[in-house]
Amino acid sequence: MPALRTLALTVHELEQGEFHWLLMETQSPPDLQATQPYLPLAAGERPHANYRTALLEGMGTLRRMAGTNGPRGC
């Protein structure tokens, strides 16, 4: 069975009132010298008016990617 992937979902306010979600994954194998331990995996295509809607859209993308078996090699 493939190992679980280490994923992170974050929301950034790039401009005031414009919230963007970003899904990231740890490097594999991990680069201990890297300044950025996570690499971008997916991002929203448009800004949202608030944090909540950006987060919910990002969570929906993560759920679709994970499928029924969770994030094992999805």
PDB file of N, CA and C in Angstrom:
ATOM      1  N   MET A   1       0.848  -1.171   0.000  1.00  0.00           N
ATOM      2  CA  MET A   1       0.000   0.000   0.000  1.00  0.00           C
ATOM      3  C   MET A   1       0.898   1.241   0.000  1.00  0.00           C
ATOM      4  N   PRO A   2       0.620   2.217  -0.859  1.00  0.00           N
ATOM      5  CA  PRO A   2       1.432   3.443  -0.892  1.00  0.00           C
ATOM      6  C   PRO A   2       1.357   4.195   0.430  1.00  0.00           C
ATOM      7  N   ALA A   3       2.431   4.896   0.738  1.00  0.00           N
ATOM      8  CA  ALA A   3       2.467   5.697   1.956  1.00  0.00           C
ATOM      9  C   ALA A   3       1.528   6.894   1.841  1.00  0.00           C
ATOM     10  N   LEU A   4       1.064   7.361   2.996  1.00  0.00           N
ATOM     11  CA  LEU A   4       0.245   8.575   3.003  1.00  0.00           C
ATOM     12  C   LEU A   4       1.076   9.759   2.547  1.00  0.00           C
ATOM     13  N   ARG A   5       0.473  10.629   1.794  1.00  0.00           N
ATOM     14  CA  ARG A   5       1.131  11.867   1.372  1.00  0.00           C
ATOM     15  C   ARG A   5       0.937  12.911   2.458  1.00  0.00           C
ATOM     16  N   THR A   6       1.920  13.768   2.642  1.00  0.00           N
ATOM     17  CA  THR A   6       1.819  14.850   3.612  1.00  0.00           C
ATOM     18  C   THR A   6       1.409  16.110   2.866  1.00  0.00           C
ATOM     19  N   LEU A   7       0.167  16.519   3.084  1.00  0.00           N
ATOM     20  CA  LEU A   7      -0.404  17.651   2.371  1.00  0.00           C
ATOM     21  C   LEU A   7      -0.757  18.765   3.350  1.00  0.00           C
ATOM     22  N   ALA A   8      -0.804  19.988   2.846  1.00  0.00           N
ATOM     23  CA  ALA A   8      -1.197  21.141   3.656  1.00  0.00           C
ATOM     24  C   ALA A   8      -2.053  22.056   2.794  1.00  0.00           C
ATOM     25  N   LEU A   9      -3.078  22.615   3.411  1.00  0.00           N
ATOM     26  CA  LEU A   9      -3.952  23.567   2.747  1.00  0.00           C
ATOM     27  C   LEU A   9      -3.855  24.889   3.493  1.00  0.00           C
ATOM     28  N   THR A  10      -3.633  25.957   2.767  1.00  0.00           N
ATOM     29  CA  THR A  10      -3.537  27.268   3.386  1.00  0.00           C
ATOM     30  C   THR A  10      -4.320  28.285   2.568  1.00  0.00           C
ATOM     31  N   VAL A  11      -4.657  29.388   3.208  1.00  0.00           N
ATOM     32  CA  VAL A  11      -5.342  30.500   2.543  1.00  0.00           C
ATOM     33  C   VAL A  11      -4.517  31.755   2.767  1.00  0.00           C
ATOM     34  N   HIS A  12      -4.276  32.490   1.700  1.00  0.00           N
ATOM     35  CA  HIS A  12      -3.511  33.737   1.764  1.00  0.00           C
ATOM     36  C   HIS A  12      -4.371  34.888   1.274  1.00  0.00           C
ATOM     37  N   GLU A  13      -4.217  36.026   1.912  1.00  0.00           N
ATOM     38  CA  GLU A  13      -4.869  37.251   1.444  1.00  0.00           C
ATOM     39  C   GLU A  13      -3.803  38.044   0.683  1.00  0.00           C
ATOM     40  N   LEU A  14      -3.733  37.828  -0.633  1.00  0.00           N
ATOM     41  CA  LEU A  14      -2.676  38.436  -1.441  1.00  0.00           C
ATOM     42  C   LEU A  14      -2.891  39.927  -1.632  1.00  0.00           C
ATOM     43  N   GLU A  15      -4.120  40.335  -1.787  1.00  0.00           N
ATOM     44  CA  GLU A  15      -4.521  41.749  -1.829  1.00  0.00           C
ATOM     45  C   GLU A  15      -5.638  41.878  -0.802  1.00  0.00           C
ATOM     46  N   GLN A  16      -5.819  43.046  -0.253  1.00  0.00           N
ATOM     47  CA  GLN A  16      -6.867  43.223   0.745  1.00  0.00           C
ATOM     48  C   GLN A  16      -8.220  42.801   0.183  1.00  0.00           C
ATOM     49  N   GLY A  17      -8.867  41.854   0.874  1.00  0.00           N
ATOM     50  CA  GLY A  17     -10.182  41.371   0.461  1.00  0.00           C
ATOM     51  C   GLY A  17     -10.151  40.338  -0.649  1.00  0.00           C
ATOM     52  N   GLU A  18      -8.967  39.828  -1.024  1.00  0.00           N
ATOM     53  CA  GLU A  18      -8.848  38.791  -2.055  1.00  0.00           C
ATOM     54  C   GLU A  18      -8.113  37.589  -1.467  1.00  0.00           C
ATOM     55  N   PHE A  19      -8.871  36.527  -1.200  1.00  0.00           N
ATOM     56  CA  PHE A  19      -8.344  35.342  -0.539  1.00  0.00           C
ATOM     57  C   PHE A  19      -8.137  34.215  -1.551  1.00  0.00           C
ATOM     58  N   HIS A  20      -6.987  33.582  -1.484  1.00  0.00           N
ATOM     59  CA  HIS A  20      -6.604  32.507  -2.405  1.00  0.00           C
ATOM     60  C   HIS A  20      -6.210  31.276  -1.589  1.00  0.00           C
ATOM     61  N   TRP A  21      -6.674  30.104  -2.021  1.00  0.00           N
ATOM     62  CA  TRP A  21      -6.259  28.879  -1.355  1.00  0.00           C
ATOM     63  C   TRP A  21      -5.096  28.260  -2.112  1.00  0.00           C
ATOM     64  N   LEU A  22      -4.279  27.497  -1.388  1.00  0.00           N
ATOM     65  CA  LEU A  22      -3.122  26.820  -1.961  1.00  0.00           C
ATOM     66  C   LEU A  22      -2.970  25.471  -1.281  1.00  0.00           C
ATOM     67  N   LEU A  23      -2.893  24.426  -2.069  1.00  0.00           N
ATOM     68  CA  LEU A  23      -2.663  23.070  -1.575  1.00  0.00           C
ATOM     69  C   LEU A  23      -1.214  22.721  -1.855  1.00  0.00           C
ATOM     70  N   MET A  24      -0.507  22.226  -0.815  1.00  0.00           N
ATOM     71  CA  MET A  24       0.918  21.925  -0.942  1.00  0.00           C
ATOM     72  C   MET A  24       1.204  20.508  -0.472  1.00  0.00           C
ATOM     73  N   GLU A  25       2.369  20.007  -0.890  1.00  0.00           N
ATOM     74  CA  GLU A  25       2.813  18.672  -0.509  1.00  0.00           C
ATOM     75  C   GLU A  25       4.277  18.740  -0.108  1.00  0.00           C
ATOM     76  N   THR A  26       4.654  17.927   0.886  1.00  0.00           N
ATOM     77  CA  THR A  26       6.053  17.909   1.272  1.00  0.00           C
ATOM     78  C   THR A  26       6.893  17.326   0.145  1.00  0.00           C
ATOM     79  N   GLN A  27       8.157  17.715   0.138  1.00  0.00           N
ATOM     80  CA  GLN A  27       9.077  17.181  -0.857  1.00  0.00           C
ATOM     81  C   GLN A  27       9.339  15.713  -0.558  1.00  0.00           C
ATOM     82  N   SER A  28       9.531  14.934  -1.597  1.00  0.00           N
ATOM     83  CA  SER A  28       9.813  13.517  -1.413  1.00  0.00           C
ATOM     84  C   SER A  28      10.958  13.113  -2.324  1.00  0.00           C
ATOM     85  N   PRO A  29      12.086  12.706  -1.778  1.00  0.00           N
ATOM     86  CA  PRO A  29      12.393  12.668  -0.354  1.00  0.00           C
ATOM     87  C   PRO A  29      12.592  14.079   0.185  1.00  0.00           C
ATOM     88  N   PRO A  30      12.416  14.256   1.498  1.00  0.00           N
ATOM     89  CA  PRO A  30      12.544  15.608   2.045  1.00  0.00           C
ATOM     90  C   PRO A  30      13.941  16.175   1.855  1.00  0.00           C
ATOM     91  N   ASP A  31      13.997  17.425   1.470  1.00  0.00           N
ATOM     92  CA  ASP A  31      15.262  18.150   1.336  1.00  0.00           C
ATOM     93  C   ASP A  31      15.443  18.961   2.609  1.00  0.00           C
ATOM     94  N   LEU A  32      16.289  18.482   3.506  1.00  0.00           N
ATOM     95  CA  LEU A  32      16.445  19.121   4.802  1.00  0.00           C
ATOM     96  C   LEU A  32      17.093  20.498   4.702  1.00  0.00           C
ATOM     97  N   GLN A  33      17.718  20.810   3.582  1.00  0.00           N
ATOM     98  CA  GLN A  33      18.341  22.109   3.392  1.00  0.00           C
ATOM     99  C   GLN A  33      17.395  23.108   2.730  1.00  0.00           C
ATOM    100  N   ALA A  34      16.248  22.651   2.293  1.00  0.00           N
ATOM    101  CA  ALA A  34      15.317  23.512   1.565  1.00  0.00           C
ATOM    102  C   ALA A  34      14.720  24.563   2.485  1.00  0.00           C
ATOM    103  N   THR A  35      14.551  25.754   1.958  1.00  0.00           N
ATOM    104  CA  THR A  35      13.899  26.800   2.732  1.00  0.00           C
ATOM    105  C   THR A  35      12.382  26.645   2.682  1.00  0.00           C
ATOM    106  N   GLN A  36      11.895  25.897   1.717  1.00  0.00           N
ATOM    107  CA  GLN A  36      10.451  25.677   1.558  1.00  0.00           C
ATOM    108  C   GLN A  36      10.204  24.171   1.598  1.00  0.00           C
ATOM    109  N   PRO A  37       9.799  23.615   2.761  1.00  0.00           N
ATOM    110  CA  PRO A  37       9.598  22.169   2.843  1.00  0.00           C
ATOM    111  C   PRO A  37       8.399  21.663   2.042  1.00  0.00           C
ATOM    112  N   TYR A  38       7.468  22.554   1.698  1.00  0.00           N
ATOM    113  CA  TYR A  38       6.295  22.175   0.913  1.00  0.00           C
ATOM    114  C   TYR A  38       6.404  22.744  -0.493  1.00  0.00           C
ATOM    115  N   LEU A  39       5.932  21.979  -1.453  1.00  0.00           N
ATOM    116  CA  LEU A  39       5.896  22.413  -2.846  1.00  0.00           C
ATOM    117  C   LEU A  39       4.437  22.604  -3.264  1.00  0.00           C
ATOM    118  N   PRO A  40       4.124  23.635  -4.059  1.00  0.00           N
ATOM    119  CA  PRO A  40       2.749  23.843  -4.514  1.00  0.00           C
ATOM    120  C   PRO A  40       2.234  22.634  -5.295  1.00  0.00           C
ATOM    121  N   LEU A  41       0.991  22.274  -5.036  1.00  0.00           N
ATOM    122  CA  LEU A  41       0.364  21.136  -5.698  1.00  0.00           C
ATOM    123  C   LEU A  41      -0.852  21.583  -6.522  1.00  0.00           C
ATOM    124  N   ALA A  42      -1.650  22.483  -5.959  1.00  0.00           N
ATOM    125  CA  ALA A  42      -2.829  23.011  -6.645  1.00  0.00           C
ATOM    126  C   ALA A  42      -3.184  24.354  -6.014  1.00  0.00           C
ATOM    127  N   ALA A  43      -3.836  25.205  -6.791  1.00  0.00           N
ATOM    128  CA  ALA A  43      -4.227  26.519  -6.288  1.00  0.00           C
ATOM    129  C   ALA A  43      -5.530  26.950  -6.932  1.00  0.00           C
ATOM    130  N   GLY A  44      -6.254  27.801  -6.227  1.00  0.00           N
ATOM    131  CA  GLY A  44      -7.489  28.356  -6.769  1.00  0.00           C
ATOM    132  C   GLY A  44      -7.190  29.250  -7.958  1.00  0.00           C
ATOM    133  N   GLU A  45      -8.108  29.289  -8.894  1.00  0.00           N
ATOM    134  CA  GLU A  45      -7.904  30.086 -10.097  1.00  0.00           C
ATOM    135  C   GLU A  45      -8.398  31.520  -9.959  1.00  0.00           C
ATOM    136  N   ARG A  46      -9.212  31.771  -8.925  1.00  0.00           N
ATOM    137  CA  ARG A  46      -9.757  33.121  -8.769  1.00  0.00           C
ATOM    138  C   ARG A  46      -9.776  33.473  -7.291  1.00  0.00           C
ATOM    139  N   PRO A  47      -9.745  34.756  -6.978  1.00  0.00           N
ATOM    140  CA  PRO A  47      -9.808  35.158  -5.570  1.00  0.00           C
ATOM    141  C   PRO A  47     -11.223  35.020  -5.012  1.00  0.00           C
ATOM    142  N   HIS A  48     -11.298  34.886  -3.709  1.00  0.00           N
ATOM    143  CA  HIS A  48     -12.579  34.834  -3.000  1.00  0.00           C
ATOM    144  C   HIS A  48     -12.698  36.072  -2.125  1.00  0.00           C
ATOM    145  N   ALA A  49     -13.926  36.452  -1.844  1.00  0.00           N
ATOM    146  CA  ALA A  49     -14.177  37.666  -1.060  1.00  0.00           C
ATOM    147  C   ALA A  49     -13.878  37.482   0.422  1.00  0.00           C
ATOM    148  N   ASN A  50     -13.809  36.200   0.887  1.00  0.00           N
ATOM    149  CA  ASN A  50     -13.509  35.982   2.303  1.00  0.00           C
ATOM    150  C   ASN A  50     -12.731  34.688   2.495  1.00  0.00           C
ATOM    151  N   TYR A  51     -12.142  34.583   3.662  1.00  0.00           N
ATOM    152  CA  TYR A  51     -11.303  33.434   4.013  1.00  0.00           C
ATOM    153  C   TYR A  51     -12.097  32.129   3.937  1.00  0.00           C
ATOM    154  N   ARG A  52     -13.306  32.147   4.482  1.00  0.00           N
ATOM    155  CA  ARG A  52     -14.106  30.924   4.578  1.00  0.00           C
ATOM    156  C   ARG A  52     -14.376  30.300   3.213  1.00  0.00           C
ATOM    157  N   THR A  53     -14.800  31.080   2.244  1.00  0.00           N
ATOM    158  CA  THR A  53     -15.118  30.497   0.941  1.00  0.00           C
ATOM    159  C   THR A  53     -13.864  29.992   0.237  1.00  0.00           C
ATOM    160  N   ALA A  54     -12.740  30.671   0.418  1.00  0.00           N
ATOM    161  CA  ALA A  54     -11.490  30.177  -0.165  1.00  0.00           C
ATOM    162  C   ALA A  54     -11.102  28.847   0.472  1.00  0.00           C
ATOM    163  N   LEU A  55     -11.210  28.762   1.793  1.00  0.00           N
ATOM    164  CA  LEU A  55     -10.876  27.526   2.501  1.00  0.00           C
ATOM    165  C   LEU A  55     -11.782  26.384   2.074  1.00  0.00           C
ATOM    166  N   LEU A  56     -13.079  26.650   1.972  1.00  0.00           N
ATOM    167  CA  LEU A  56     -14.020  25.598   1.571  1.00  0.00           C
ATOM    168  C   LEU A  56     -13.740  25.094   0.155  1.00  0.00           C
ATOM    169  N   GLU A  57     -13.390  25.985  -0.762  1.00  0.00           N
ATOM    170  CA  GLU A  57     -13.070  25.536  -2.112  1.00  0.00           C
ATOM    171  C   GLU A  57     -11.802  24.685  -2.107  1.00  0.00           C
ATOM    172  N   GLY A  58     -10.805  25.100  -1.355  1.00  0.00           N
ATOM    173  CA  GLY A  58      -9.579  24.310  -1.244  1.00  0.00           C
ATOM    174  C   GLY A  58      -9.839  22.941  -0.637  1.00  0.00           C
ATOM    175  N   MET A  59     -10.691  22.896   0.386  1.00  0.00           N
ATOM    176  CA  MET A  59     -11.036  21.618   1.012  1.00  0.00           C
ATOM    177  C   MET A  59     -11.769  20.707   0.031  1.00  0.00           C
ATOM    178  N   GLY A  60     -12.623  21.280  -0.794  1.00  0.00           N
ATOM    179  CA  GLY A  60     -13.330  20.484  -1.798  1.00  0.00           C
ATOM    180  C   GLY A  60     -12.364  19.879  -2.803  1.00  0.00           C
ATOM    181  N   THR A  61     -11.365  20.649  -3.209  1.00  0.00           N
ATOM    182  CA  THR A  61     -10.357  20.129  -4.135  1.00  0.00           C
ATOM    183  C   THR A  61      -9.576  18.990  -3.480  1.00  0.00           C
ATOM    184  N   LEU A  62      -9.202  19.173  -2.232  1.00  0.00           N
ATOM    185  CA  LEU A  62      -8.476  18.131  -1.512  1.00  0.00           C
ATOM    186  C   LEU A  62      -9.311  16.861  -1.389  1.00  0.00           C
ATOM    187  N   ARG A  63     -10.582  17.005  -1.080  1.00  0.00           N
ATOM    188  CA  ARG A  63     -11.457  15.832  -0.955  1.00  0.00           C
ATOM    189  C   ARG A  63     -11.591  15.098  -2.282  1.00  0.00           C
ATOM    190  N   ARG A  64     -11.726  15.836  -3.375  1.00  0.00           N
ATOM    191  CA  ARG A  64     -11.829  15.188  -4.693  1.00  0.00           C
ATOM    192  C   ARG A  64     -10.532  14.461  -5.040  1.00  0.00           C
ATOM    193  N   MET A  65      -9.406  15.050  -4.717  1.00  0.00           N
ATOM    194  CA  MET A  65      -8.114  14.417  -4.995  1.00  0.00           C
ATOM    195  C   MET A  65      -7.923  13.146  -4.189  1.00  0.00           C
ATOM    196  N   ALA A  66      -8.373  13.150  -2.945  1.00  0.00           N
ATOM    197  CA  ALA A  66      -8.150  12.027  -2.044  1.00  0.00           C
ATOM    198  C   ALA A  66      -9.034  10.828  -2.374  1.00  0.00           C
ATOM    199  N   GLY A  67     -10.201  11.068  -2.921  1.00  0.00           N
ATOM    200  CA  GLY A  67     -11.093   9.954  -3.233  1.00  0.00           C
ATOM    201  C   GLY A  67     -11.517   9.225  -1.986  1.00  0.00           C
ATOM    202  N   THR A  68     -11.842   7.962  -2.103  1.00  0.00           N
ATOM    203  CA  THR A  68     -12.334   7.188  -0.962  1.00  0.00           C
ATOM    204  C   THR A  68     -11.219   6.569  -0.129  1.00  0.00           C
ATOM    205  N   ASN A  69     -10.023   6.470  -0.693  1.00  0.00           N
ATOM    206  CA  ASN A  69      -8.906   5.825   0.023  1.00  0.00           C
ATOM    207  C   ASN A  69      -8.007   6.803   0.750  1.00  0.00           C
ATOM    208  N   GLY A  70      -8.339   8.079   0.727  1.00  0.00           N
ATOM    209  CA  GLY A  70      -7.475   9.074   1.367  1.00  0.00           C
ATOM    210  C   GLY A  70      -6.295   9.406   0.495  1.00  0.00           C
ATOM    211  N   PRO A  71      -5.404  10.239   1.007  1.00  0.00           N
ATOM    212  CA  PRO A  71      -4.300  10.738   0.182  1.00  0.00           C
ATOM    213  C   PRO A  71      -3.136   9.762   0.028  1.00  0.00           C
ATOM    214  N   ARG A  72      -3.404   8.580  -0.488  1.00  0.00           N
ATOM    215  CA  ARG A  72      -2.349   7.591  -0.765  1.00  0.00           C
ATOM    216  C   ARG A  72      -2.092   7.572  -2.264  1.00  0.00           C
ATOM    217  N   GLY A  73      -1.110   8.339  -2.674  1.00  0.00           N
ATOM    218  CA  GLY A  73      -0.734   8.349  -4.082  1.00  0.00           C
ATOM    219  C   GLY A  73      -1.796   8.918  -4.998  1.00  0.00           C
ATOM    220  N   CYS A  74      -2.669   9.783  -4.472  1.00  0.00           N
ATOM    221  CA  CYS A  74      -3.750  10.338  -5.299  1.00  0.00           C
ATOM    222  C   CYS A  74      -3.210  11.314  -6.318  1.00  0.00           C
TER     223      CYS A  74
END
